[in-house]
Amino acid sequence: MNWFISCMTKNYANFSGRARRKEYWLFNLFVIIFFFVLMFLSSLSQAMASLMLLVGVVAVLAFFIPSLAVTVRRLHDTDKSGWWYLISFIPFGSIVLLVFMCINSTPGSNEYGDNPKGL
């Protein structure tokens, strides 16, 4: 939960620096669990579905910037520019981005900062 809170508060729109795999994947795991809970609650009743739709729209807007920021910081951790995120908009580019999100950090410092594993 600390990784999610860190992304939503201190690093809400921080596109500089580096993010570990753990920070990236735990943030995304929490977001996925949150939306699964919303889907479950909206399936309980029709009246609740409209409320959950509103909550879902607000959540998408709230999670968009931190999700983009943690992805860019994760790319920085693998010594790639944040512009590599745009590869996800071409066919099969998401697979390449997934591989970048899974590979290990570059050891030591790079042009984006110190290795967060050493901190």
N, C-alpha and C. Protein backbone atom coordinates (compact mmCIF):
# COMPACT_ATOMS: atom_id res chain seq x y z
N MET A 1 0.82 -1.19 0.00
CA MET A 1 0.00 0.00 0.00
C MET A 1 0.87 1.26 0.00
N ASN A 2 2.06 1.17 0.59
CA ASN A 2 2.95 2.34 0.64
C ASN A 2 3.36 2.80 -0.76
N TRP A 3 3.55 1.85 -1.66
CA TRP A 3 3.94 2.23 -3.02
C TRP A 3 2.82 3.00 -3.70
N PHE A 4 1.59 2.57 -3.49
CA PHE A 4 0.46 3.26 -4.09
C PHE A 4 0.32 4.67 -3.51
N ILE A 5 0.41 4.79 -2.20
CA ILE A 5 0.29 6.09 -1.55
C ILE A 5 1.41 7.02 -2.01
N SER A 6 2.61 6.49 -2.17
CA SER A 6 3.73 7.29 -2.65
C SER A 6 3.46 7.82 -4.06
N CYS A 7 2.91 6.98 -4.92
CA CYS A 7 2.61 7.41 -6.29
C CYS A 7 1.47 8.42 -6.33
N MET A 8 0.52 8.29 -5.42
CA MET A 8 -0.65 9.18 -5.44
C MET A 8 -0.41 10.49 -4.70
N THR A 9 0.62 10.58 -3.88
CA THR A 9 0.85 11.81 -3.13
C THR A 9 2.16 12.47 -3.55
N LYS A 10 3.26 11.94 -3.09
CA LYS A 10 4.57 12.56 -3.30
C LYS A 10 4.96 12.58 -4.78
N ASN A 11 4.66 11.52 -5.50
CA ASN A 11 5.07 11.41 -6.90
C ASN A 11 3.89 11.49 -7.86
N TYR A 12 2.84 12.23 -7.51
CA TYR A 12 1.62 12.27 -8.31
C TYR A 12 1.90 12.64 -9.76
N ALA A 13 2.65 13.69 -9.99
CA ALA A 13 2.98 14.13 -11.35
C ALA A 13 4.49 14.27 -11.52
N ASN A 14 5.24 13.41 -10.85
CA ASN A 14 6.69 13.44 -10.92
C ASN A 14 7.15 12.55 -12.07
N PHE A 15 7.61 13.17 -13.14
CA PHE A 15 8.07 12.43 -14.31
C PHE A 15 9.58 12.31 -14.35
N SER A 16 10.27 12.80 -13.34
CA SER A 16 11.72 12.69 -13.30
C SER A 16 12.11 11.67 -12.24
N GLY A 17 13.29 11.12 -12.41
CA GLY A 17 13.76 10.11 -11.48
C GLY A 17 13.48 8.71 -11.98
N ARG A 18 13.57 7.78 -11.07
CA ARG A 18 13.44 6.36 -11.43
C ARG A 18 12.46 5.67 -10.49
N ALA A 19 11.81 4.63 -11.01
CA ALA A 19 10.88 3.83 -10.20
C ALA A 19 11.24 2.36 -10.34
N ARG A 20 11.31 1.67 -9.24
CA ARG A 20 11.61 0.24 -9.25
C ARG A 20 10.46 -0.55 -9.84
N ARG A 21 10.75 -1.79 -10.22
CA ARG A 21 9.69 -2.68 -10.71
C ARG A 21 8.62 -2.84 -9.65
N LYS A 22 9.04 -2.98 -8.40
CA LYS A 22 8.09 -3.19 -7.30
C LYS A 22 7.11 -2.03 -7.21
N GLU A 23 7.61 -0.80 -7.29
CA GLU A 23 6.73 0.37 -7.23
C GLU A 23 5.74 0.37 -8.39
N TYR A 24 6.22 0.10 -9.60
CA TYR A 24 5.37 0.10 -10.79
C TYR A 24 4.29 -0.97 -10.70
N TRP A 25 4.70 -2.20 -10.39
CA TRP A 25 3.73 -3.31 -10.42
C TRP A 25 2.76 -3.26 -9.24
N LEU A 26 3.20 -2.84 -8.06
CA LEU A 26 2.28 -2.75 -6.93
C LEU A 26 1.28 -1.61 -7.12
N PHE A 27 1.70 -0.50 -7.73
CA PHE A 27 0.76 0.57 -8.04
C PHE A 27 -0.31 0.06 -9.01
N ASN A 28 0.12 -0.61 -10.07
CA ASN A 28 -0.84 -1.12 -11.06
C ASN A 28 -1.72 -2.22 -10.49
N LEU A 29 -1.18 -3.05 -9.60
CA LEU A 29 -1.98 -4.08 -8.96
C LEU A 29 -3.10 -3.46 -8.13
N PHE A 30 -2.79 -2.43 -7.37
CA PHE A 30 -3.81 -1.77 -6.56
C PHE A 30 -4.89 -1.16 -7.45
N VAL A 31 -4.49 -0.53 -8.55
CA VAL A 31 -5.47 0.07 -9.47
C VAL A 31 -6.38 -1.01 -10.06
N ILE A 32 -5.81 -2.13 -10.45
CA ILE A 32 -6.61 -3.22 -11.02
C ILE A 32 -7.59 -3.77 -9.98
N ILE A 33 -7.11 -3.99 -8.76
CA ILE A 33 -8.00 -4.48 -7.69
C ILE A 33 -9.12 -3.48 -7.42
N PHE A 34 -8.79 -2.20 -7.42
CA PHE A 34 -9.79 -1.15 -7.20
C PHE A 34 -10.89 -1.23 -8.25
N PHE A 35 -10.51 -1.39 -9.52
CA PHE A 35 -11.52 -1.44 -10.57
C PHE A 35 -12.31 -2.75 -10.57
N PHE A 36 -11.69 -3.85 -10.15
CA PHE A 36 -12.45 -5.09 -10.01
C PHE A 36 -13.50 -4.97 -8.90
N VAL A 37 -13.14 -4.32 -7.80
CA VAL A 37 -14.10 -4.09 -6.72
C VAL A 37 -15.24 -3.20 -7.22
N LEU A 38 -14.91 -2.17 -7.99
CA LEU A 38 -15.96 -1.32 -8.56
C LEU A 38 -16.90 -2.11 -9.47
N MET A 39 -16.33 -2.97 -10.30
CA MET A 39 -17.18 -3.79 -11.19
C MET A 39 -18.07 -4.72 -10.39
N PHE A 40 -17.53 -5.31 -9.33
CA PHE A 40 -18.33 -6.20 -8.49
C PHE A 40 -19.47 -5.44 -7.82
N LEU A 41 -19.15 -4.27 -7.26
CA LEU A 41 -20.19 -3.48 -6.60
C LEU A 41 -21.26 -3.00 -7.58
N SER A 42 -20.86 -2.68 -8.80
CA SER A 42 -21.85 -2.21 -9.77
C SER A 42 -22.74 -3.34 -10.26
N SER A 43 -22.28 -4.59 -10.13
CA SER A 43 -23.11 -5.72 -10.55
C SER A 43 -24.15 -6.11 -9.51
N LEU A 44 -24.07 -5.54 -8.31
CA LEU A 44 -25.00 -5.91 -7.25
C LEU A 44 -26.41 -5.38 -7.50
N SER A 45 -26.52 -4.15 -7.97
CA SER A 45 -27.85 -3.60 -8.24
C SER A 45 -27.75 -2.51 -9.29
N GLN A 46 -28.87 -2.24 -9.93
CA GLN A 46 -28.90 -1.23 -10.97
C GLN A 46 -28.66 0.17 -10.40
N ALA A 47 -29.23 0.45 -9.23
CA ALA A 47 -29.05 1.76 -8.61
C ALA A 47 -27.59 1.99 -8.25
N MET A 48 -26.94 0.95 -7.79
CA MET A 48 -25.54 1.07 -7.42
C MET A 48 -24.65 1.19 -8.66
N ALA A 49 -25.10 0.66 -9.79
CA ALA A 49 -24.30 0.69 -11.01
C ALA A 49 -24.06 2.12 -11.48
N SER A 50 -25.06 2.97 -11.40
CA SER A 50 -24.87 4.34 -11.85
C SER A 50 -23.92 5.11 -10.93
N LEU A 51 -24.00 4.84 -9.63
CA LEU A 51 -23.08 5.46 -8.69
C LEU A 51 -21.65 4.97 -8.93
N MET A 52 -21.50 3.68 -9.16
CA MET A 52 -20.17 3.12 -9.40
C MET A 52 -19.59 3.61 -10.73
N LEU A 53 -20.45 3.89 -11.70
CA LEU A 53 -19.97 4.46 -12.96
C LEU A 53 -19.38 5.84 -12.72
N LEU A 54 -20.04 6.63 -11.92
CA LEU A 54 -19.52 7.96 -11.57
C LEU A 54 -18.20 7.84 -10.82
N VAL A 55 -18.14 6.94 -9.86
CA VAL A 55 -16.91 6.72 -9.10
C VAL A 55 -15.80 6.23 -10.03
N GLY A 56 -16.14 5.37 -10.98
CA GLY A 56 -15.16 4.86 -11.93
C GLY A 56 -14.58 5.95 -12.81
N VAL A 57 -15.42 6.85 -13.28
CA VAL A 57 -14.95 7.96 -14.12
C VAL A 57 -14.01 8.87 -13.33
N VAL A 58 -14.38 9.16 -12.10
CA VAL A 58 -13.53 9.99 -11.25
C VAL A 58 -12.21 9.27 -10.98
N ALA A 59 -12.26 7.97 -10.75
CA ALA A 59 -11.04 7.20 -10.48
C ALA A 59 -10.12 7.17 -11.69
N VAL A 60 -10.69 6.99 -12.88
CA VAL A 60 -9.87 7.00 -14.09
C VAL A 60 -9.15 8.34 -14.22
N LEU A 61 -9.87 9.42 -13.99
CA LEU A 61 -9.25 10.74 -14.07
C LEU A 61 -8.19 10.93 -12.98
N ALA A 62 -8.43 10.39 -11.80
CA ALA A 62 -7.48 10.53 -10.69
C ALA A 62 -6.24 9.67 -10.89
N PHE A 63 -6.39 8.49 -11.50
CA PHE A 63 -5.26 7.56 -11.67
C PHE A 63 -4.47 7.80 -12.95
N PHE A 64 -4.97 8.61 -13.88
CA PHE A 64 -4.31 8.74 -15.18
C PHE A 64 -2.91 9.33 -15.06
N ILE A 65 -2.77 10.49 -14.42
CA ILE A 65 -1.47 11.16 -14.31
C ILE A 65 -0.47 10.33 -13.50
N PRO A 66 -0.83 9.80 -12.31
CA PRO A 66 0.14 8.98 -11.58
C PRO A 66 0.55 7.72 -12.33
N SER A 67 -0.38 7.13 -13.07
CA SER A 67 -0.04 5.93 -13.85
C SER A 67 0.96 6.26 -14.95
N LEU A 68 0.73 7.36 -15.63
CA LEU A 68 1.66 7.80 -16.67
C LEU A 68 3.01 8.15 -16.06
N ALA A 69 3.00 8.82 -14.92
CA ALA A 69 4.25 9.22 -14.27
C ALA A 69 5.06 8.02 -13.80
N VAL A 70 4.42 7.03 -13.19
CA VAL A 70 5.17 5.85 -12.71
C VAL A 70 5.68 5.03 -13.90
N THR A 71 4.97 5.03 -15.01
CA THR A 71 5.45 4.32 -16.20
C THR A 71 6.68 5.02 -16.78
N VAL A 72 6.66 6.33 -16.83
CA VAL A 72 7.82 7.08 -17.34
C VAL A 72 9.01 6.88 -16.41
N ARG A 73 8.79 6.93 -15.09
CA ARG A 73 9.89 6.71 -14.16
C ARG A 73 10.43 5.29 -14.26
N ARG A 74 9.55 4.33 -14.53
CA ARG A 74 10.01 2.94 -14.72
C ARG A 74 10.86 2.82 -15.99
N LEU A 75 10.45 3.51 -17.04
CA LEU A 75 11.28 3.53 -18.26
C LEU A 75 12.63 4.17 -17.97
N HIS A 76 12.65 5.22 -17.17
CA HIS A 76 13.92 5.83 -16.79
C HIS A 76 14.80 4.85 -16.03
N ASP A 77 14.19 4.00 -15.23
CA ASP A 77 14.95 3.02 -14.46
C ASP A 77 15.64 2.01 -15.37
N THR A 78 15.07 1.76 -16.53
CA THR A 78 15.70 0.85 -17.49
C THR A 78 16.56 1.60 -18.50
N ASP A 79 16.86 2.88 -18.20
CA ASP A 79 17.70 3.74 -19.02
C ASP A 79 17.08 4.04 -20.39
N LYS A 80 15.77 4.18 -20.40
CA LYS A 80 15.03 4.54 -21.61
C LYS A 80 14.34 5.88 -21.38
N SER A 81 14.15 6.61 -22.45
CA SER A 81 13.43 7.88 -22.36
C SER A 81 11.95 7.61 -22.12
N GLY A 82 11.28 8.56 -21.50
CA GLY A 82 9.85 8.44 -21.27
C GLY A 82 9.05 8.43 -22.57
N TRP A 83 9.66 8.93 -23.63
CA TRP A 83 8.99 8.94 -24.93
C TRP A 83 8.75 7.53 -25.46
N TRP A 84 9.43 6.53 -24.92
CA TRP A 84 9.19 5.14 -25.31
C TRP A 84 7.77 4.70 -24.98
N TYR A 85 7.09 5.43 -24.11
CA TYR A 85 5.70 5.11 -23.77
C TYR A 85 4.82 5.16 -25.02
N LEU A 86 5.15 6.02 -25.96
CA LEU A 86 4.35 6.18 -27.17
C LEU A 86 4.35 4.93 -28.05
N ILE A 87 5.30 4.02 -27.82
CA ILE A 87 5.34 2.79 -28.61
C ILE A 87 4.10 1.93 -28.36
N SER A 88 3.43 2.17 -27.25
CA SER A 88 2.23 1.39 -26.94
C SER A 88 1.07 1.73 -27.88
N PHE A 89 1.18 2.79 -28.65
CA PHE A 89 0.11 3.18 -29.56
C PHE A 89 0.23 2.57 -30.95
N ILE A 90 1.29 1.80 -31.19
CA ILE A 90 1.41 1.11 -32.48
C ILE A 90 1.12 -0.37 -32.25
N PRO A 91 0.75 -1.10 -33.31
CA PRO A 91 0.45 -2.53 -33.13
C PRO A 91 1.65 -3.27 -32.51
N PHE A 92 1.36 -4.09 -31.54
CA PHE A 92 2.33 -4.91 -30.80
C PHE A 92 3.32 -4.09 -29.99
N GLY A 93 3.16 -2.78 -29.97
CA GLY A 93 4.05 -1.93 -29.17
C GLY A 93 3.86 -2.14 -27.68
N SER A 94 2.66 -2.52 -27.28
CA SER A 94 2.40 -2.78 -25.86
C SER A 94 3.21 -3.96 -25.36
N ILE A 95 3.49 -4.90 -26.23
CA ILE A 95 4.31 -6.05 -25.84
C ILE A 95 5.73 -5.59 -25.56
N VAL A 96 6.25 -4.69 -26.40
CA VAL A 96 7.59 -4.15 -26.18
C VAL A 96 7.62 -3.36 -24.86
N LEU A 97 6.59 -2.56 -24.62
CA LEU A 97 6.52 -1.80 -23.38
C LEU A 97 6.44 -2.73 -22.16
N LEU A 98 5.69 -3.82 -22.27
CA LEU A 98 5.61 -4.80 -21.19
C LEU A 98 6.98 -5.41 -20.89
N VAL A 99 7.74 -5.69 -21.92
CA VAL A 99 9.09 -6.22 -21.72
C VAL A 99 9.95 -5.20 -20.99
N PHE A 100 9.85 -3.92 -21.39
CA PHE A 100 10.62 -2.87 -20.71
C PHE A 100 10.23 -2.77 -19.24
N MET A 101 8.95 -2.98 -18.93
CA MET A 101 8.49 -2.88 -17.54
C MET A 101 8.97 -4.07 -16.71
N CYS A 102 9.30 -5.19 -17.37
CA CYS A 102 9.70 -6.41 -16.65
C CYS A 102 11.21 -6.54 -16.48
N ILE A 103 11.99 -5.86 -17.31
CA ILE A 103 13.44 -6.06 -17.20
C ILE A 103 13.98 -5.35 -15.97
N ASN A 104 15.15 -5.80 -15.55
CA ASN A 104 15.77 -5.29 -14.33
C ASN A 104 16.29 -3.87 -14.53
N SER A 105 16.52 -3.18 -13.45
CA SER A 105 17.06 -1.82 -13.48
C SER A 105 18.47 -1.83 -14.04
N THR A 106 18.86 -0.69 -14.58
CA THR A 106 20.27 -0.55 -14.94
C THR A 106 21.04 -0.32 -13.65
N PRO A 107 22.13 -1.03 -13.46
CA PRO A 107 22.86 -0.90 -12.20
C PRO A 107 23.52 0.48 -12.09
N GLY A 108 23.62 0.95 -10.87
CA GLY A 108 24.25 2.23 -10.62
C GLY A 108 23.41 3.40 -11.08
N SER A 109 24.04 4.53 -11.23
CA SER A 109 23.35 5.74 -11.66
C SER A 109 23.26 5.78 -13.18
N ASN A 110 22.24 6.45 -13.68
CA ASN A 110 22.15 6.75 -15.10
C ASN A 110 21.77 8.21 -15.23
N GLU A 111 21.46 8.66 -16.44
CA GLU A 111 21.18 10.09 -16.63
C GLU A 111 19.91 10.55 -15.93
N TYR A 112 19.08 9.60 -15.44
CA TYR A 112 17.83 9.94 -14.78
C TYR A 112 17.92 9.93 -13.26
N GLY A 113 19.05 9.53 -12.74
CA GLY A 113 19.23 9.55 -11.28
C GLY A 113 19.90 8.30 -10.76
N ASP A 114 19.96 8.22 -9.44
CA ASP A 114 20.55 7.07 -8.77
C ASP A 114 19.61 5.88 -8.82
N ASN A 115 20.18 4.70 -8.70
CA ASN A 115 19.39 3.47 -8.68
C ASN A 115 18.54 3.43 -7.41
N PRO A 116 17.21 3.33 -7.54
CA PRO A 116 16.36 3.32 -6.34
C PRO A 116 16.54 2.07 -5.48
N LYS A 117 17.13 1.01 -6.03
CA LYS A 117 17.36 -0.18 -5.22
C LYS A 117 18.44 0.06 -4.18
N GLY A 118 19.33 1.00 -4.46
CA GLY A 118 20.42 1.29 -3.54
C GLY A 118 20.02 2.23 -2.43
N LEU A 119 18.82 2.81 -2.51
CA LEU A 119 18.39 3.78 -1.50
C LEU A 119 17.75 3.11 -0.32
